[in-house]
Amino acid sequence: MVTIGELVQKGKSHLQDGDFEKSLAFFDQALLQDQTNPDLWNLKGVTLRSMGRYDEAVECFNKSLELDPRDKQAS
């Protein structure tokens, strides 16, 4: 099984390359393993925002803040 760290690294790499669909797929896989990680929700939100899917991005950012109200990374 691929670790969350590996999924996040691949997702970030695709995000930086502008391949948002692949990035989103990796972040979704990571979230299947841990839905309580605010950083994962934030990364998914950043990706969705980059895709122009603003409503979904806001939902992810809100979930990140719900899990950790002091989350300074939530965009």
PDB file of N, CA and C in Angstrom:
ATOM      1  N   MET A   1       0.834  -1.181   0.000  1.00  0.00           N
ATOM      2  CA  MET A   1       0.000   0.000   0.000  1.00  0.00           C
ATOM      3  C   MET A   1       0.885   1.253   0.000  1.00  0.00           C
ATOM      4  N   VAL A   2       0.489   2.200  -0.784  1.00  0.00           N
ATOM      5  CA  VAL A   2       1.232   3.463  -0.888  1.00  0.00           C
ATOM      6  C   VAL A   2       0.926   4.304   0.351  1.00  0.00           C
ATOM      7  N   THR A   3       1.946   4.934   0.900  1.00  0.00           N
ATOM      8  CA  THR A   3       1.753   5.746   2.103  1.00  0.00           C
ATOM      9  C   THR A   3       1.132   7.099   1.755  1.00  0.00           C
ATOM     10  N   ILE A   4       0.556   7.715   2.769  1.00  0.00           N
ATOM     11  CA  ILE A   4      -0.012   9.049   2.591  1.00  0.00           C
ATOM     12  C   ILE A   4       1.072  10.026   2.141  1.00  0.00           C
ATOM     13  N   GLY A   5       2.251   9.914   2.740  1.00  0.00           N
ATOM     14  CA  GLY A   5       3.349  10.802   2.369  1.00  0.00           C
ATOM     15  C   GLY A   5       3.708  10.698   0.898  1.00  0.00           C
ATOM     16  N   GLU A   6       3.717   9.482   0.376  1.00  0.00           N
ATOM     17  CA  GLU A   6       4.021   9.291  -1.047  1.00  0.00           C
ATOM     18  C   GLU A   6       2.927   9.882  -1.920  1.00  0.00           C
ATOM     19  N   LEU A   7       1.685   9.686  -1.514  1.00  0.00           N
ATOM     20  CA  LEU A   7       0.564  10.245  -2.280  1.00  0.00           C
ATOM     21  C   LEU A   7       0.616  11.764  -2.290  1.00  0.00           C
ATOM     22  N   VAL A   8       0.911  12.352  -1.137  1.00  0.00           N
ATOM     23  CA  VAL A   8       0.989  13.810  -1.035  1.00  0.00           C
ATOM     24  C   VAL A   8       2.129  14.339  -1.893  1.00  0.00           C
ATOM     25  N   GLN A   9       3.263  13.679  -1.845  1.00  0.00           N
ATOM     26  CA  GLN A   9       4.401  14.129  -2.643  1.00  0.00           C
ATOM     27  C   GLN A   9       4.077  14.093  -4.139  1.00  0.00           C
ATOM     28  N   LYS A  10       3.450  13.012  -4.586  1.00  0.00           N
ATOM     29  CA  LYS A  10       3.072  12.912  -6.004  1.00  0.00           C
ATOM     30  C   LYS A  10       2.027  13.965  -6.353  1.00  0.00           C
ATOM     31  N   GLY A  11       1.070  14.161  -5.440  1.00  0.00           N
ATOM     32  CA  GLY A  11       0.039  15.169  -5.681  1.00  0.00           C
ATOM     33  C   GLY A  11       0.619  16.564  -5.789  1.00  0.00           C
ATOM     34  N   LYS A  12       1.554  16.888  -4.897  1.00  0.00           N
ATOM     35  CA  LYS A  12       2.198  18.209  -4.939  1.00  0.00           C
ATOM     36  C   LYS A  12       3.013  18.382  -6.215  1.00  0.00           C
ATOM     37  N   SER A  13       3.687  17.333  -6.640  1.00  0.00           N
ATOM     38  CA  SER A  13       4.488  17.400  -7.857  1.00  0.00           C
ATOM     39  C   SER A  13       3.608  17.685  -9.070  1.00  0.00           C
ATOM     40  N   HIS A  14       2.484  16.988  -9.158  1.00  0.00           N
ATOM     41  CA  HIS A  14       1.559  17.226 -10.281  1.00  0.00           C
ATOM     42  C   HIS A  14       0.927  18.611 -10.185  1.00  0.00           C
ATOM     43  N   LEU A  15       0.666  19.066  -8.963  1.00  0.00           N
ATOM     44  CA  LEU A  15       0.103  20.403  -8.773  1.00  0.00           C
ATOM     45  C   LEU A  15       1.066  21.460  -9.294  1.00  0.00           C
ATOM     46  N   GLN A  16       2.345  21.321  -8.952  1.00  0.00           N
ATOM     47  CA  GLN A  16       3.358  22.270  -9.424  1.00  0.00           C
ATOM     48  C   GLN A  16       3.515  22.228 -10.940  1.00  0.00           C
ATOM     49  N   ASP A  17       3.300  21.040 -11.517  1.00  0.00           N
ATOM     50  CA  ASP A  17       3.418  20.894 -12.971  1.00  0.00           C
ATOM     51  C   ASP A  17       2.165  21.366 -13.706  1.00  0.00           C
ATOM     52  N   GLY A  18       1.121  21.702 -12.955  1.00  0.00           N
ATOM     53  CA  GLY A  18      -0.114  22.158 -13.579  1.00  0.00           C
ATOM     54  C   GLY A  18      -1.026  21.030 -14.014  1.00  0.00           C
ATOM     55  N   ASP A  19      -0.729  19.806 -13.615  1.00  0.00           N
ATOM     56  CA  ASP A  19      -1.571  18.653 -13.947  1.00  0.00           C
ATOM     57  C   ASP A  19      -2.544  18.443 -12.789  1.00  0.00           C
ATOM     58  N   PHE A  20      -3.579  19.270 -12.770  1.00  0.00           N
ATOM     59  CA  PHE A  20      -4.482  19.319 -11.641  1.00  0.00           C
ATOM     60  C   PHE A  20      -5.332  18.063 -11.485  1.00  0.00           C
ATOM     61  N   GLU A  21      -5.713  17.428 -12.583  1.00  0.00           N
ATOM     62  CA  GLU A  21      -6.519  16.204 -12.503  1.00  0.00           C
ATOM     63  C   GLU A  21      -5.752  15.103 -11.774  1.00  0.00           C
ATOM     64  N   LYS A  22      -4.493  14.907 -12.143  1.00  0.00           N
ATOM     65  CA  LYS A  22      -3.678  13.887 -11.479  1.00  0.00           C
ATOM     66  C   LYS A  22      -3.420  14.270 -10.035  1.00  0.00           C
ATOM     67  N   SER A  23      -3.158  15.546  -9.796  1.00  0.00           N
ATOM     68  CA  SER A  23      -2.931  16.020  -8.443  1.00  0.00           C
ATOM     69  C   SER A  23      -4.145  15.719  -7.566  1.00  0.00           C
ATOM     70  N   LEU A  24      -5.312  16.041  -8.057  1.00  0.00           N
ATOM     71  CA  LEU A  24      -6.546  15.807  -7.314  1.00  0.00           C
ATOM     72  C   LEU A  24      -6.724  14.324  -7.011  1.00  0.00           C
ATOM     73  N   ALA A  25      -6.402  13.468  -7.966  1.00  0.00           N
ATOM     74  CA  ALA A  25      -6.542  12.023  -7.769  1.00  0.00           C
ATOM     75  C   ALA A  25      -5.650  11.537  -6.628  1.00  0.00           C
ATOM     76  N   PHE A  26      -4.431  12.051  -6.551  1.00  0.00           N
ATOM     77  CA  PHE A  26      -3.534  11.641  -5.467  1.00  0.00           C
ATOM     78  C   PHE A  26      -4.021  12.149  -4.117  1.00  0.00           C
ATOM     79  N   PHE A  27      -4.503  13.387  -4.064  1.00  0.00           N
ATOM     80  CA  PHE A  27      -5.001  13.916  -2.803  1.00  0.00           C
ATOM     81  C   PHE A  27      -6.268  13.181  -2.362  1.00  0.00           C
ATOM     82  N   ASP A  28      -7.112  12.800  -3.322  1.00  0.00           N
ATOM     83  CA  ASP A  28      -8.300  12.020  -2.982  1.00  0.00           C
ATOM     84  C   ASP A  28      -7.913  10.653  -2.410  1.00  0.00           C
ATOM     85  N   GLN A  29      -6.898  10.031  -2.995  1.00  0.00           N
ATOM     86  CA  GLN A  29      -6.431   8.741  -2.473  1.00  0.00           C
ATOM     87  C   GLN A  29      -5.901   8.892  -1.051  1.00  0.00           C
ATOM     88  N   ALA A  30      -5.173   9.964  -0.804  1.00  0.00           N
ATOM     89  CA  ALA A  30      -4.654  10.212   0.541  1.00  0.00           C
ATOM     90  C   ALA A  30      -5.803  10.415   1.524  1.00  0.00           C
ATOM     91  N   LEU A  31      -6.832  11.128   1.103  1.00  0.00           N
ATOM     92  CA  LEU A  31      -7.971  11.366   1.978  1.00  0.00           C
ATOM     93  C   LEU A  31      -8.752  10.093   2.273  1.00  0.00           C
ATOM     94  N   LEU A  32      -8.694   9.121   1.373  1.00  0.00           N
ATOM     95  CA  LEU A  32      -9.335   7.838   1.650  1.00  0.00           C
ATOM     96  C   LEU A  32      -8.663   7.149   2.835  1.00  0.00           C
ATOM     97  N   GLN A  33      -7.387   7.420   3.016  1.00  0.00           N
ATOM     98  CA  GLN A  33      -6.644   6.825   4.119  1.00  0.00           C
ATOM     99  C   GLN A  33      -6.778   7.622   5.420  1.00  0.00           C
ATOM    100  N   ASP A  34      -6.980   8.933   5.310  1.00  0.00           N
ATOM    101  CA  ASP A  34      -7.065   9.776   6.508  1.00  0.00           C
ATOM    102  C   ASP A  34      -7.901  11.013   6.217  1.00  0.00           C
ATOM    103  N   GLN A  35      -9.175  10.947   6.594  1.00  0.00           N
ATOM    104  CA  GLN A  35     -10.068  12.080   6.356  1.00  0.00           C
ATOM    105  C   GLN A  35     -10.024  13.108   7.481  1.00  0.00           C
ATOM    106  N   THR A  36      -9.173  12.875   8.478  1.00  0.00           N
ATOM    107  CA  THR A  36      -9.105  13.804   9.608  1.00  0.00           C
ATOM    108  C   THR A  36      -7.870  14.696   9.545  1.00  0.00           C
ATOM    109  N   ASN A  37      -7.165  14.674   8.433  1.00  0.00           N
ATOM    110  CA  ASN A  37      -5.942  15.458   8.280  1.00  0.00           C
ATOM    111  C   ASN A  37      -6.272  16.788   7.595  1.00  0.00           C
ATOM    112  N   PRO A  38      -6.203  17.909   8.322  1.00  0.00           N
ATOM    113  CA  PRO A  38      -6.570  19.195   7.718  1.00  0.00           C
ATOM    114  C   PRO A  38      -5.656  19.595   6.557  1.00  0.00           C
ATOM    115  N   ASP A  39      -4.400  19.171   6.587  1.00  0.00           N
ATOM    116  CA  ASP A  39      -3.481  19.507   5.496  1.00  0.00           C
ATOM    117  C   ASP A  39      -3.925  18.874   4.178  1.00  0.00           C
ATOM    118  N   LEU A  40      -4.437  17.661   4.250  1.00  0.00           N
ATOM    119  CA  LEU A  40      -4.912  16.993   3.035  1.00  0.00           C
ATOM    120  C   LEU A  40      -6.108  17.729   2.450  1.00  0.00           C
ATOM    121  N   TRP A  41      -7.022  18.147   3.312  1.00  0.00           N
ATOM    122  CA  TRP A  41      -8.186  18.902   2.835  1.00  0.00           C
ATOM    123  C   TRP A  41      -7.754  20.229   2.222  1.00  0.00           C
ATOM    124  N   ASN A  42      -6.759  20.851   2.823  1.00  0.00           N
ATOM    125  CA  ASN A  42      -6.266  22.124   2.294  1.00  0.00           C
ATOM    126  C   ASN A  42      -5.626  21.929   0.917  1.00  0.00           C
ATOM    127  N   LEU A  43      -4.829  20.881   0.774  1.00  0.00           N
ATOM    128  CA  LEU A  43      -4.192  20.605  -0.520  1.00  0.00           C
ATOM    129  C   LEU A  43      -5.234  20.312  -1.596  1.00  0.00           C
ATOM    130  N   LYS A  44      -6.253  19.569  -1.221  1.00  0.00           N
ATOM    131  CA  LYS A  44      -7.328  19.308  -2.182  1.00  0.00           C
ATOM    132  C   LYS A  44      -8.014  20.618  -2.566  1.00  0.00           C
ATOM    133  N   GLY A  45      -8.236  21.478  -1.581  1.00  0.00           N
ATOM    134  CA  GLY A  45      -8.857  22.774  -1.861  1.00  0.00           C
ATOM    135  C   GLY A  45      -8.014  23.626  -2.787  1.00  0.00           C
ATOM    136  N   VAL A  46      -6.707  23.647  -2.571  1.00  0.00           N
ATOM    137  CA  VAL A  46      -5.807  24.413  -3.440  1.00  0.00           C
ATOM    138  C   VAL A  46      -5.902  23.889  -4.877  1.00  0.00           C
ATOM    139  N   THR A  47      -5.938  22.577  -5.002  1.00  0.00           N
ATOM    140  CA  THR A  47      -6.023  21.977  -6.341  1.00  0.00           C
ATOM    141  C   THR A  47      -7.336  22.336  -7.009  1.00  0.00           C
ATOM    142  N   LEU A  48      -8.433  22.196  -6.281  1.00  0.00           N
ATOM    143  CA  LEU A  48      -9.743  22.536  -6.846  1.00  0.00           C
ATOM    144  C   LEU A  48      -9.815  24.010  -7.230  1.00  0.00           C
ATOM    145  N   ARG A  49      -9.245  24.861  -6.402  1.00  0.00           N
ATOM    146  CA  ARG A  49      -9.223  26.299  -6.720  1.00  0.00           C
ATOM    147  C   ARG A  49      -8.450  26.536  -8.009  1.00  0.00           C
ATOM    148  N   SER A  50      -7.352  25.822  -8.182  1.00  0.00           N
ATOM    149  CA  SER A  50      -6.550  25.962  -9.401  1.00  0.00           C
ATOM    150  C   SER A  50      -7.318  25.501 -10.628  1.00  0.00           C
ATOM    151  N   MET A  51      -8.280  24.605 -10.418  1.00  0.00           N
ATOM    152  CA  MET A  51      -9.101  24.095 -11.516  1.00  0.00           C
ATOM    153  C   MET A  51     -10.313  24.981 -11.782  1.00  0.00           C
ATOM    154  N   GLY A  52     -10.483  26.018 -10.961  1.00  0.00           N
ATOM    155  CA  GLY A  52     -11.639  26.895 -11.123  1.00  0.00           C
ATOM    156  C   GLY A  52     -12.893  26.338 -10.469  1.00  0.00           C
ATOM    157  N   ARG A  53     -12.760  25.315  -9.661  1.00  0.00           N
ATOM    158  CA  ARG A  53     -13.899  24.688  -8.976  1.00  0.00           C
ATOM    159  C   ARG A  53     -13.999  25.299  -7.571  1.00  0.00           C
ATOM    160  N   TYR A  54     -14.404  26.555  -7.550  1.00  0.00           N
ATOM    161  CA  TYR A  54     -14.322  27.368  -6.338  1.00  0.00           C
ATOM    162  C   TYR A  54     -15.237  26.905  -5.208  1.00  0.00           C
ATOM    163  N   ASP A  55     -16.454  26.514  -5.529  1.00  0.00           N
ATOM    164  CA  ASP A  55     -17.374  26.084  -4.477  1.00  0.00           C
ATOM    165  C   ASP A  55     -16.844  24.843  -3.761  1.00  0.00           C
ATOM    166  N   GLU A  56     -16.326  23.896  -4.535  1.00  0.00           N
ATOM    167  CA  GLU A  56     -15.761  22.687  -3.941  1.00  0.00           C
ATOM    168  C   GLU A  56     -14.502  23.016  -3.131  1.00  0.00           C
ATOM    169  N   ALA A  57     -13.720  23.961  -3.637  1.00  0.00           N
ATOM    170  CA  ALA A  57     -12.503  24.367  -2.921  1.00  0.00           C
ATOM    171  C   ALA A  57     -12.862  24.960  -1.567  1.00  0.00           C
ATOM    172  N   VAL A  58     -13.875  25.810  -1.532  1.00  0.00           N
ATOM    173  CA  VAL A  58     -14.295  26.423  -0.273  1.00  0.00           C
ATOM    174  C   VAL A  58     -14.747  25.347   0.716  1.00  0.00           C
ATOM    175  N   GLU A  59     -15.448  24.335   0.224  1.00  0.00           N
ATOM    176  CA  GLU A  59     -15.877  23.247   1.100  1.00  0.00           C
ATOM    177  C   GLU A  59     -14.665  22.548   1.722  1.00  0.00           C
ATOM    178  N   CYS A  60     -13.624  22.338   0.921  1.00  0.00           N
ATOM    179  CA  CYS A  60     -12.414  21.687   1.428  1.00  0.00           C
ATOM    180  C   CYS A  60     -11.704  22.574   2.446  1.00  0.00           C
ATOM    181  N   PHE A  61     -11.606  23.860   2.153  1.00  0.00           N
ATOM    182  CA  PHE A  61     -10.971  24.779   3.099  1.00  0.00           C
ATOM    183  C   PHE A  61     -11.759  24.829   4.406  1.00  0.00           C
ATOM    184  N   ASN A  62     -13.082  24.834   4.301  1.00  0.00           N
ATOM    185  CA  ASN A  62     -13.911  24.846   5.508  1.00  0.00           C
ATOM    186  C   ASN A  62     -13.734  23.560   6.309  1.00  0.00           C
ATOM    187  N   LYS A  63     -13.612  22.427   5.619  1.00  0.00           N
ATOM    188  CA  LYS A  63     -13.380  21.155   6.305  1.00  0.00           C
ATOM    189  C   LYS A  63     -12.029  21.192   7.020  1.00  0.00           C
ATOM    190  N   SER A  64     -11.022  21.757   6.366  1.00  0.00           N
ATOM    191  CA  SER A  64      -9.702  21.889   6.974  1.00  0.00           C
ATOM    192  C   SER A  64      -9.786  22.707   8.258  1.00  0.00           C
ATOM    193  N   LEU A  65     -10.503  23.818   8.203  1.00  0.00           N
ATOM    194  CA  LEU A  65     -10.646  24.687   9.378  1.00  0.00           C
ATOM    195  C   LEU A  65     -11.512  24.045  10.460  1.00  0.00           C
ATOM    196  N   GLU A  66     -12.489  23.249  10.041  1.00  0.00           N
ATOM    197  CA  GLU A  66     -13.322  22.533  11.007  1.00  0.00           C
ATOM    198  C   GLU A  66     -12.469  21.538  11.805  1.00  0.00           C
ATOM    199  N   LEU A  67     -11.551  20.883  11.124  1.00  0.00           N
ATOM    200  CA  LEU A  67     -10.686  19.910  11.782  1.00  0.00           C
ATOM    201  C   LEU A  67      -9.623  20.569  12.644  1.00  0.00           C
ATOM    202  N   ASP A  68      -9.155  21.732  12.200  1.00  0.00           N
ATOM    203  CA  ASP A  68      -8.128  22.457  12.956  1.00  0.00           C
ATOM    204  C   ASP A  68      -8.383  23.951  12.795  1.00  0.00           C
ATOM    205  N   PRO A  69      -9.167  24.532  13.703  1.00  0.00           N
ATOM    206  CA  PRO A  69      -9.513  25.954  13.593  1.00  0.00           C
ATOM    207  C   PRO A  69      -8.299  26.878  13.573  1.00  0.00           C
ATOM    208  N   ARG A  70      -7.175  26.414  14.064  1.00  0.00           N
ATOM    209  CA  ARG A  70      -5.966  27.244  14.061  1.00  0.00           C
ATOM    210  C   ARG A  70      -5.107  26.949  12.855  1.00  0.00           C
ATOM    211  N   ASP A  71      -5.658  26.230  11.867  1.00  0.00           N
ATOM    212  CA  ASP A  71      -4.878  25.841  10.687  1.00  0.00           C
ATOM    213  C   ASP A  71      -4.483  27.080   9.898  1.00  0.00           C
ATOM    214  N   LYS A  72      -3.233  27.471  10.004  1.00  0.00           N
ATOM    215  CA  LYS A  72      -2.735  28.679   9.340  1.00  0.00           C
ATOM    216  C   LYS A  72      -2.549  28.476   7.834  1.00  0.00           C
ATOM    217  N   GLN A  73      -2.562  27.220   7.374  1.00  0.00           N
ATOM    218  CA  GLN A  73      -2.345  26.930   5.964  1.00  0.00           C
ATOM    219  C   GLN A  73      -3.639  26.999   5.144  1.00  0.00           C
ATOM    220  N   ALA A  74      -4.784  26.982   5.799  1.00  0.00           N
ATOM    221  CA  ALA A  74      -6.050  27.009   5.074  1.00  0.00           C
ATOM    222  C   ALA A  74      -6.134  28.290   4.270  1.00  0.00           C
ATOM    223  N   SER A  75      -6.352  28.132   3.004  1.00  0.00           N
ATOM    224  CA  SER A  75      -6.314  29.292   2.098  1.00  0.00           C
ATOM    225  C   SER A  75      -7.617  30.026   2.135  1.00  0.00           C
TER     226      SER A  75
END
